[in-house]
Amino acid sequence: MSQSIAVVCEAPGDSELVAALVGRVIEAHLPDWYAGYRADQLLTFRGFEPDQPYFYWGRVNTLAGDRRGGFGRTLRRSEFAGRFPDDPVALEALRAIRLLQFNAPTKPDAIILVKDSDNKPERRAGLLALHDDHAGHTIPVVIGVAHTERECWLLAGFEPNTPREREAHELLCRELSLDPCRESHRLAAPRETDDRHPKRVLGVLSGGDPAREAACLRTAFPILEANGRDNGLADFLDALRQRLIHKLFGGPPPEARGG
């Protein structure tokens, strides 16, 4: 039977990124009794409604405040067990979890939330604390924080493999005084036109080709984890292994940082 994973994110690109990484982790660590199965045979990704591809962040507070729909209880501090987030984005994430757990038309088997830090330390800290708070949750919950933006996760997997890409990479390293693939967490410029903005850097390296960007997610796990140590990607992959494999498919959780 297929397992249903609700994805809370900003855009289709984020949902596709999550599906690609989850699929790779699942296929790498499935118990022996699932041998021969592909991730797309075992998983479906959804939004608040099962027929939607993802749960858009912009809907969370709207649904949570819709008392006519019976969702108003998610706003009450007394309804939350444990720590009540001070950061507004972390509170929004907690509302999304509660909406999916208590108010969705059907309950998902797991919940994954991804959000850019936008180089805001308080947002990153609040979301990571919420992730830790849900370590033993009945429904597996994984919160990924892309620092500073999701393009940093793609940059972590970018390996120049053509003369044009190698030249572009070398030029960027000199221009930025850093390696944007190994140190993507340092790309924190506020405007997309700025030299150190992740979107601009990824566009230069990939030539603006979506297929080339998607290929970054197929890079070997050790490289993704080494380059993603400081941008949140390594932690996200680790959490997928630790929280999803055992809960959804049985067997012991894989060891941390293990392929």
C-alpha atoms as a PDB file:
ATOM      1  CA  MET A   1       0.000   0.000   0.000  1.00  0.00           C
ATOM      2  CA  SER A   2       1.298   3.440  -0.935  1.00  0.00           C
ATOM      3  CA  GLN A   3       2.341   5.768   1.890  1.00  0.00           C
ATOM      4  CA  SER A   4       0.994   9.324   1.763  1.00  0.00           C
ATOM      5  CA  ILE A   5       3.423  12.172   2.527  1.00  0.00           C
ATOM      6  CA  ALA A   6       2.101  15.713   2.915  1.00  0.00           C
ATOM      7  CA  VAL A   7       4.590  18.341   1.741  1.00  0.00           C
ATOM      8  CA  VAL A   8       4.361  21.928   3.008  1.00  0.00           C
ATOM      9  CA  CYS A   9       6.323  24.271   0.754  1.00  0.00           C
ATOM     10  CA  GLU A  10       6.258  27.486  -1.279  1.00  0.00           C
ATOM     11  CA  ALA A  11       6.255  26.359  -4.906  1.00  0.00           C
ATOM     12  CA  PRO A  12       6.228  23.384  -7.284  1.00  0.00           C
ATOM     13  CA  GLY A  13      10.030  23.450  -7.457  1.00  0.00           C
ATOM     14  CA  ASP A  14      10.229  22.879  -3.716  1.00  0.00           C
ATOM     15  CA  SER A  15       7.798  19.965  -3.928  1.00  0.00           C
ATOM     16  CA  GLU A  16       9.811  18.390  -6.746  1.00  0.00           C
ATOM     17  CA  LEU A  17      13.026  18.802  -4.756  1.00  0.00           C
ATOM     18  CA  VAL A  18      11.480  17.063  -1.728  1.00  0.00           C
ATOM     19  CA  ALA A  19      10.095  14.218  -3.842  1.00  0.00           C
ATOM     20  CA  ALA A  20      13.476  13.645  -5.487  1.00  0.00           C
ATOM     21  CA  LEU A  21      15.410  13.552  -2.214  1.00  0.00           C
ATOM     22  CA  VAL A  22      12.833  11.431  -0.381  1.00  0.00           C
ATOM     23  CA  GLY A  23      12.736   8.978  -3.258  1.00  0.00           C
ATOM     24  CA  ARG A  24      16.508   8.568  -3.252  1.00  0.00           C
ATOM     25  CA  VAL A  25      16.699   8.092   0.509  1.00  0.00           C
ATOM     26  CA  ILE A  26      13.835   5.593   0.522  1.00  0.00           C
ATOM     27  CA  GLU A  27      15.287   3.499  -2.298  1.00  0.00           C
ATOM     28  CA  ALA A  28      18.731   3.497  -0.658  1.00  0.00           C
ATOM     29  CA  HIS A  29      17.457   2.246   2.698  1.00  0.00           C
ATOM     30  CA  LEU A  30      14.359   0.121   2.112  1.00  0.00           C
ATOM     31  CA  PRO A  31      14.230  -3.091   4.161  1.00  0.00           C
ATOM     32  CA  ASP A  32      15.012  -6.278   2.245  1.00  0.00           C
ATOM     33  CA  TRP A  33      11.364  -7.253   1.954  1.00  0.00           C
ATOM     34  CA  TYR A  34      10.805  -4.237  -0.327  1.00  0.00           C
ATOM     35  CA  ALA A  35      13.587  -5.259  -2.708  1.00  0.00           C
ATOM     36  CA  GLY A  36      12.754  -4.412  -6.302  1.00  0.00           C
ATOM     37  CA  TYR A  37      10.275  -1.648  -5.486  1.00  0.00           C
ATOM     38  CA  ARG A  38      10.772   1.920  -6.689  1.00  0.00           C
ATOM     39  CA  ALA A  39       9.945   4.914  -4.525  1.00  0.00           C
ATOM     40  CA  ASP A  40       7.135   5.983  -6.862  1.00  0.00           C
ATOM     41  CA  GLN A  41       5.453   2.616  -6.254  1.00  0.00           C
ATOM     42  CA  LEU A  42       5.538   3.109  -2.490  1.00  0.00           C
ATOM     43  CA  LEU A  43       4.959   6.843  -1.992  1.00  0.00           C
ATOM     44  CA  THR A  44       2.475   9.523  -2.961  1.00  0.00           C
ATOM     45  CA  PHE A  45       2.981  13.217  -2.246  1.00  0.00           C
ATOM     46  CA  ARG A  46       0.047  15.460  -1.430  1.00  0.00           C
ATOM     47  CA  GLY A  47      -1.097  18.748   0.040  1.00  0.00           C
ATOM     48  CA  PHE A  48      -3.775  19.563   2.610  1.00  0.00           C
ATOM     49  CA  GLU A  49      -6.216  17.834   0.273  1.00  0.00           C
ATOM     50  CA  PRO A  50      -5.051  14.429  -0.943  1.00  0.00           C
ATOM     51  CA  ASP A  51      -5.489  15.399  -4.600  1.00  0.00           C
ATOM     52  CA  GLN A  52      -3.253  18.479  -4.329  1.00  0.00           C
ATOM     53  CA  PRO A  53       0.514  18.161  -5.035  1.00  0.00           C
ATOM     54  CA  TYR A  54       1.601  20.186  -1.994  1.00  0.00           C
ATOM     55  CA  PHE A  55       0.315  22.352   0.860  1.00  0.00           C
ATOM     56  CA  TYR A  56       1.172  25.965   0.043  1.00  0.00           C
ATOM     57  CA  TRP A  57       2.607  27.907   2.987  1.00  0.00           C
ATOM     58  CA  GLY A  58       0.373  30.845   2.106  1.00  0.00           C
ATOM     59  CA  ARG A  59      -2.752  28.806   2.915  1.00  0.00           C
ATOM     60  CA  VAL A  60      -1.704  27.751   6.413  1.00  0.00           C
ATOM     61  CA  ASN A  61      -2.732  30.803   8.436  1.00  0.00           C
ATOM     62  CA  THR A  62      -5.835  31.282   6.306  1.00  0.00           C
ATOM     63  CA  LEU A  63      -7.050  27.762   7.058  1.00  0.00           C
ATOM     64  CA  ALA A  64      -6.004  27.979  10.692  1.00  0.00           C
ATOM     65  CA  GLY A  65      -8.108  31.113  11.150  1.00  0.00           C
ATOM     66  CA  ASP A  66     -11.178  29.751   9.387  1.00  0.00           C
ATOM     67  CA  ARG A  67     -13.404  29.096  12.374  1.00  0.00           C
ATOM     68  CA  ARG A  68     -16.322  28.367  10.057  1.00  0.00           C
ATOM     69  CA  GLY A  69     -14.343  25.374   8.837  1.00  0.00           C
ATOM     70  CA  GLY A  70     -13.657  24.258  12.395  1.00  0.00           C
ATOM     71  CA  PHE A  71      -9.966  25.110  12.146  1.00  0.00           C
ATOM     72  CA  GLY A  72      -9.851  27.918  14.702  1.00  0.00           C
ATOM     73  CA  ARG A  73      -8.649  25.600  17.474  1.00  0.00           C
ATOM     74  CA  THR A  74      -5.208  25.517  15.841  1.00  0.00           C
ATOM     75  CA  LEU A  75      -4.695  29.155  16.864  1.00  0.00           C
ATOM     76  CA  ARG A  76      -5.081  28.573  20.595  1.00  0.00           C
ATOM     77  CA  ARG A  77      -1.988  28.340  22.725  1.00  0.00           C
ATOM     78  CA  SER A  78      -3.774  25.877  25.016  1.00  0.00           C
ATOM     79  CA  GLU A  79      -4.165  23.446  22.122  1.00  0.00           C
ATOM     80  CA  PHE A  80      -0.428  22.974  21.763  1.00  0.00           C
ATOM     81  CA  ALA A  81       1.484  20.478  23.861  1.00  0.00           C
ATOM     82  CA  GLY A  82       5.041  21.407  24.773  1.00  0.00           C
ATOM     83  CA  ARG A  83       6.860  24.496  23.587  1.00  0.00           C
ATOM     84  CA  PHE A  84       4.826  27.211  21.860  1.00  0.00           C
ATOM     85  CA  PRO A  85       7.003  28.844  19.158  1.00  0.00           C
ATOM     86  CA  ASP A  86       7.906  32.502  19.515  1.00  0.00           C
ATOM     87  CA  ASP A  87       9.038  32.829  15.912  1.00  0.00           C
ATOM     88  CA  PRO A  88       6.047  33.496  13.616  1.00  0.00           C
ATOM     89  CA  VAL A  89       7.265  31.144  10.881  1.00  0.00           C
ATOM     90  CA  ALA A  90       7.801  28.326  13.380  1.00  0.00           C
ATOM     91  CA  LEU A  91       4.280  28.953  14.697  1.00  0.00           C
ATOM     92  CA  GLU A  92       2.988  28.793  11.137  1.00  0.00           C
ATOM     93  CA  ALA A  93       4.774  25.457  10.720  1.00  0.00           C
ATOM     94  CA  LEU A  94       3.170  24.126  13.893  1.00  0.00           C
ATOM     95  CA  ARG A  95      -0.233  25.202  12.618  1.00  0.00           C
ATOM     96  CA  ALA A  96       0.421  23.353   9.365  1.00  0.00           C
ATOM     97  CA  ILE A  97       1.276  20.179  11.284  1.00  0.00           C
ATOM     98  CA  ARG A  98      -1.858  20.425  13.413  1.00  0.00           C
ATOM     99  CA  LEU A  99      -4.059  21.178  10.420  1.00  0.00           C
ATOM    100  CA  LEU A 100      -2.789  18.083   8.624  1.00  0.00           C
ATOM    101  CA  GLN A 101      -3.085  15.976  11.757  1.00  0.00           C
ATOM    102  CA  PHE A 102      -6.562  17.048  12.886  1.00  0.00           C
ATOM    103  CA  ASN A 103      -8.364  18.858  10.072  1.00  0.00           C
ATOM    104  CA  ALA A 104      -7.261  17.445   6.718  1.00  0.00           C
ATOM    105  CA  PRO A 105      -9.893  15.415   4.821  1.00  0.00           C
ATOM    106  CA  THR A 106      -7.650  12.367   5.331  1.00  0.00           C
ATOM    107  CA  LYS A 107      -4.629  12.150   7.587  1.00  0.00           C
ATOM    108  CA  PRO A 108      -1.243  11.733   5.862  1.00  0.00           C
ATOM    109  CA  ASP A 109       1.220   9.026   6.894  1.00  0.00           C
ATOM    110  CA  ALA A 110       4.056  11.557   7.224  1.00  0.00           C
ATOM    111  CA  ILE A 111       4.572  15.323   7.029  1.00  0.00           C
ATOM    112  CA  ILE A 112       7.534  17.134   5.483  1.00  0.00           C
ATOM    113  CA  LEU A 113       7.915  20.900   5.704  1.00  0.00           C
ATOM    114  CA  VAL A 114      10.613  22.864   3.859  1.00  0.00           C
ATOM    115  CA  LYS A 115      11.316  26.554   4.295  1.00  0.00           C
ATOM    116  CA  ASP A 116      14.105  28.950   3.357  1.00  0.00           C
ATOM    117  CA  SER A 117      15.875  30.612   6.256  1.00  0.00           C
ATOM    118  CA  ASP A 118      16.324  33.770   4.152  1.00  0.00           C
ATOM    119  CA  ASN A 119      19.406  34.285   6.330  1.00  0.00           C
ATOM    120  CA  LYS A 120      17.230  34.968   9.404  1.00  0.00           C
ATOM    121  CA  PRO A 121      18.818  33.247  12.435  1.00  0.00           C
ATOM    122  CA  GLU A 122      15.640  33.450  14.521  1.00  0.00           C
ATOM    123  CA  ARG A 123      13.596  31.710  11.828  1.00  0.00           C
ATOM    124  CA  ARG A 124      16.179  28.974  11.419  1.00  0.00           C
ATOM    125  CA  ALA A 125      16.458  28.417  15.171  1.00  0.00           C
ATOM    126  CA  GLY A 126      12.685  28.342  15.647  1.00  0.00           C
ATOM    127  CA  LEU A 127      12.089  25.814  12.877  1.00  0.00           C
ATOM    128  CA  LEU A 128      14.935  23.557  14.006  1.00  0.00           C
ATOM    129  CA  ALA A 129      13.615  23.634  17.581  1.00  0.00           C
ATOM    130  CA  LEU A 130      10.179  22.635  16.302  1.00  0.00           C
ATOM    131  CA  HIS A 131      11.769  19.815  14.300  1.00  0.00           C
ATOM    132  CA  ASP A 132      13.442  18.546  17.483  1.00  0.00           C
ATOM    133  CA  ASP A 133      10.171  18.802  19.412  1.00  0.00           C
ATOM    134  CA  HIS A 134       8.547  16.386  16.948  1.00  0.00           C
ATOM    135  CA  ALA A 135      11.225  13.701  17.120  1.00  0.00           C
ATOM    136  CA  GLY A 136       8.824  11.189  18.672  1.00  0.00           C
ATOM    137  CA  HIS A 137       5.613  12.364  17.036  1.00  0.00           C
ATOM    138  CA  THR A 138       2.986   9.755  16.138  1.00  0.00           C
ATOM    139  CA  ILE A 139       3.110  10.870  12.516  1.00  0.00           C
ATOM    140  CA  PRO A 140       6.708  11.249  11.279  1.00  0.00           C
ATOM    141  CA  VAL A 141       7.468  14.966  10.909  1.00  0.00           C
ATOM    142  CA  VAL A 142      10.547  16.322   9.137  1.00  0.00           C
ATOM    143  CA  ILE A 143      11.292  20.042   8.902  1.00  0.00           C
ATOM    144  CA  GLY A 144      13.995  21.046   6.445  1.00  0.00           C
ATOM    145  CA  VAL A 145      15.488  24.533   6.635  1.00  0.00           C
ATOM    146  CA  ALA A 146      17.359  25.585   3.499  1.00  0.00           C
ATOM    147  CA  HIS A 147      20.024  28.085   4.517  1.00  0.00           C
ATOM    148  CA  THR A 148      19.842  30.559   2.990  1.00  0.00           C
ATOM    149  CA  GLU A 149      17.533  29.378   0.163  1.00  0.00           C
ATOM    150  CA  ARG A 150      16.615  26.091  -1.522  1.00  0.00           C
ATOM    151  CA  GLU A 151      18.976  26.931  -4.397  1.00  0.00           C
ATOM    152  CA  CYS A 152      21.793  26.383  -1.899  1.00  0.00           C
ATOM    153  CA  TRP A 153      20.765  22.705  -1.729  1.00  0.00           C
ATOM    154  CA  LEU A 154      20.998  22.459  -5.511  1.00  0.00           C
ATOM    155  CA  LEU A 155      24.385  24.171  -5.484  1.00  0.00           C
ATOM    156  CA  ALA A 156      25.607  21.566  -2.992  1.00  0.00           C
ATOM    157  CA  GLY A 157      25.053  18.938  -5.655  1.00  0.00           C
ATOM    158  CA  PHE A 158      26.446  20.871  -8.599  1.00  0.00           C
ATOM    159  CA  GLU A 159      29.564  19.281 -10.072  1.00  0.00           C
ATOM    160  CA  PRO A 160      30.957  21.010 -13.176  1.00  0.00           C
ATOM    161  CA  ASN A 161      31.163  18.407 -15.933  1.00  0.00           C
ATOM    162  CA  THR A 162      31.504  20.397 -19.158  1.00  0.00           C
ATOM    163  CA  PRO A 163      34.087  22.988 -20.238  1.00  0.00           C
ATOM    164  CA  ARG A 164      31.457  25.745 -19.984  1.00  0.00           C
ATOM    165  CA  GLU A 165      30.470  24.698 -16.473  1.00  0.00           C
ATOM    166  CA  ARG A 166      34.070  24.393 -15.315  1.00  0.00           C
ATOM    167  CA  GLU A 167      34.867  27.839 -16.661  1.00  0.00           C
ATOM    168  CA  ALA A 168      31.753  29.351 -15.057  1.00  0.00           C
ATOM    169  CA  HIS A 169      32.594  27.694 -11.739  1.00  0.00           C
ATOM    170  CA  GLU A 170      36.186  28.937 -11.766  1.00  0.00           C
ATOM    171  CA  LEU A 171      35.076  32.466 -12.619  1.00  0.00           C
ATOM    172  CA  LEU A 172      32.511  32.481  -9.805  1.00  0.00           C
ATOM    173  CA  CYS A 173      35.051  31.199  -7.293  1.00  0.00           C
ATOM    174  CA  ARG A 174      37.339  34.111  -8.146  1.00  0.00           C
ATOM    175  CA  GLU A 175      34.515  36.656  -8.319  1.00  0.00           C
ATOM    176  CA  LEU A 176      32.938  35.639  -4.995  1.00  0.00           C
ATOM    177  CA  SER A 177      36.151  34.674  -3.167  1.00  0.00           C
ATOM    178  CA  LEU A 178      34.497  31.391  -2.194  1.00  0.00           C
ATOM    179  CA  ASP A 179      33.403  28.114  -3.749  1.00  0.00           C
ATOM    180  CA  PRO A 180      29.612  28.512  -4.166  1.00  0.00           C
ATOM    181  CA  CYS A 181      29.090  24.736  -4.250  1.00  0.00           C
ATOM    182  CA  ARG A 182      31.005  23.953  -1.075  1.00  0.00           C
ATOM    183  CA  GLU A 183      30.079  27.161   0.768  1.00  0.00           C
ATOM    184  CA  SER A 184      26.590  27.916  -0.490  1.00  0.00           C
ATOM    185  CA  HIS A 185      25.481  28.913   3.037  1.00  0.00           C
ATOM    186  CA  ARG A 186      27.577  32.063   2.604  1.00  0.00           C
ATOM    187  CA  LEU A 187      25.432  33.224  -0.317  1.00  0.00           C
ATOM    188  CA  ALA A 188      23.192  35.573   1.625  1.00  0.00           C
ATOM    189  CA  ALA A 189      22.658  38.626  -0.587  1.00  0.00           C
ATOM    190  CA  PRO A 190      19.126  40.066  -0.224  1.00  0.00           C
ATOM    191  CA  ARG A 191      18.390  40.812  -3.901  1.00  0.00           C
ATOM    192  CA  GLU A 192      18.314  38.249  -6.697  1.00  0.00           C
ATOM    193  CA  THR A 193      20.462  40.499  -8.884  1.00  0.00           C
ATOM    194  CA  ASP A 194      23.243  40.667  -6.261  1.00  0.00           C
ATOM    195  CA  ASP A 195      26.436  38.751  -6.984  1.00  0.00           C
ATOM    196  CA  ARG A 196      26.074  36.542  -3.909  1.00  0.00           C
ATOM    197  CA  HIS A 197      22.405  35.645  -4.270  1.00  0.00           C
ATOM    198  CA  PRO A 198      21.904  31.840  -4.579  1.00  0.00           C
ATOM    199  CA  LYS A 199      19.433  32.111  -7.471  1.00  0.00           C
ATOM    200  CA  ARG A 200      21.808  34.235  -9.506  1.00  0.00           C
ATOM    201  CA  VAL A 201      24.774  31.920  -8.828  1.00  0.00           C
ATOM    202  CA  LEU A 202      22.821  28.763  -9.677  1.00  0.00           C
ATOM    203  CA  GLY A 203      21.595  30.375 -12.889  1.00  0.00           C
ATOM    204  CA  VAL A 204      25.146  31.157 -13.954  1.00  0.00           C
ATOM    205  CA  LEU A 205      26.328  27.602 -13.290  1.00  0.00           C
ATOM    206  CA  SER A 206      23.333  25.783 -14.765  1.00  0.00           C
ATOM    207  CA  GLY A 207      22.790  28.128 -17.673  1.00  0.00           C
ATOM    208  CA  GLY A 208      19.209  28.467 -16.458  1.00  0.00           C
ATOM    209  CA  ASP A 209      18.443  24.883 -17.477  1.00  0.00           C
ATOM    210  CA  PRO A 210      15.861  23.277 -15.118  1.00  0.00           C
ATOM    211  CA  ALA A 211      16.979  19.787 -16.133  1.00  0.00           C
ATOM    212  CA  ARG A 212      20.579  20.603 -15.199  1.00  0.00           C
ATOM    213  CA  GLU A 213      19.418  21.941 -11.840  1.00  0.00           C
ATOM    214  CA  ALA A 214      17.379  18.787 -11.190  1.00  0.00           C
ATOM    215  CA  ALA A 215      20.455  16.681 -11.944  1.00  0.00           C
ATOM    216  CA  CYS A 216      22.166  18.247  -8.912  1.00  0.00           C
ATOM    217  CA  LEU A 217      19.874  16.180  -6.677  1.00  0.00           C
ATOM    218  CA  ARG A 218      21.249  12.951  -8.162  1.00  0.00           C
ATOM    219  CA  THR A 219      24.781  13.677  -6.966  1.00  0.00           C
ATOM    220  CA  ALA A 220      26.269  11.047  -4.651  1.00  0.00           C
ATOM    221  CA  PHE A 221      25.116  11.346  -1.043  1.00  0.00           C
ATOM    222  CA  PRO A 222      28.625  11.879   0.426  1.00  0.00           C
ATOM    223  CA  ILE A 223      29.084  14.962  -1.773  1.00  0.00           C
ATOM    224  CA  LEU A 224      25.607  16.335  -0.981  1.00  0.00           C
ATOM    225  CA  GLU A 225      26.253  15.876   2.722  1.00  0.00           C
ATOM    226  CA  ALA A 226      29.759  17.342   2.709  1.00  0.00           C
ATOM    227  CA  ASN A 227      28.683  20.397   0.715  1.00  0.00           C
ATOM    228  CA  GLY A 228      25.381  20.612   2.607  1.00  0.00           C
ATOM    229  CA  ARG A 229      26.809  20.441   6.099  1.00  0.00           C
ATOM    230  CA  ASP A 230      26.151  24.137   6.796  1.00  0.00           C
ATOM    231  CA  ASN A 231      23.157  24.843   4.554  1.00  0.00           C
ATOM    232  CA  GLY A 232      20.706  22.380   6.137  1.00  0.00           C
ATOM    233  CA  LEU A 233      20.768  19.710   3.427  1.00  0.00           C
ATOM    234  CA  ALA A 234      22.843  17.171   5.349  1.00  0.00           C
ATOM    235  CA  ASP A 235      20.545  17.505   8.367  1.00  0.00           C
ATOM    236  CA  PHE A 236      17.473  17.108   6.156  1.00  0.00           C
ATOM    237  CA  LEU A 237      18.791  13.904   4.563  1.00  0.00           C
ATOM    238  CA  ASP A 238      19.678  12.563   7.992  1.00  0.00           C
ATOM    239  CA  ALA A 239      16.186  13.315   9.299  1.00  0.00           C
ATOM    240  CA  LEU A 240      14.585  11.561   6.331  1.00  0.00           C
ATOM    241  CA  ARG A 241      16.565   8.420   7.126  1.00  0.00           C
ATOM    242  CA  GLN A 242      15.944   8.538  10.838  1.00  0.00           C
ATOM    243  CA  ARG A 243      12.248   9.439  10.853  1.00  0.00           C
ATOM    244  CA  LEU A 244      10.755   8.019   7.661  1.00  0.00           C
ATOM    245  CA  ILE A 245      12.333   4.634   7.011  1.00  0.00           C
ATOM    246  CA  HIS A 246      11.441   2.917  10.274  1.00  0.00           C
ATOM    247  CA  LYS A 247       8.022   4.527  10.736  1.00  0.00           C
ATOM    248  CA  LEU A 248       6.777   3.972   7.180  1.00  0.00           C
ATOM    249  CA  PHE A 249       8.437   0.746   6.119  1.00  0.00           C
ATOM    250  CA  GLY A 250       9.614  -1.063   9.256  1.00  0.00           C
ATOM    251  CA  GLY A 251      13.095  -2.244  10.073  1.00  0.00           C
ATOM    252  CA  PRO A 252      15.677  -0.314  12.114  1.00  0.00           C
ATOM    253  CA  PRO A 253      16.427   3.305  11.188  1.00  0.00           C
ATOM    254  CA  PRO A 254      19.646   3.651   9.155  1.00  0.00           C
ATOM    255  CA  GLU A 255      22.715   5.044  10.861  1.00  0.00           C
ATOM    256  CA  ALA A 256      23.152   8.812  10.705  1.00  0.00           C
ATOM    257  CA  ARG A 257      25.079  10.197   7.728  1.00  0.00           C
ATOM    258  CA  GLY A 258      25.055   6.743   6.172  1.00  0.00           C
ATOM    259  CA  GLY A 259      24.760   7.032   2.381  1.00  0.00           C
END
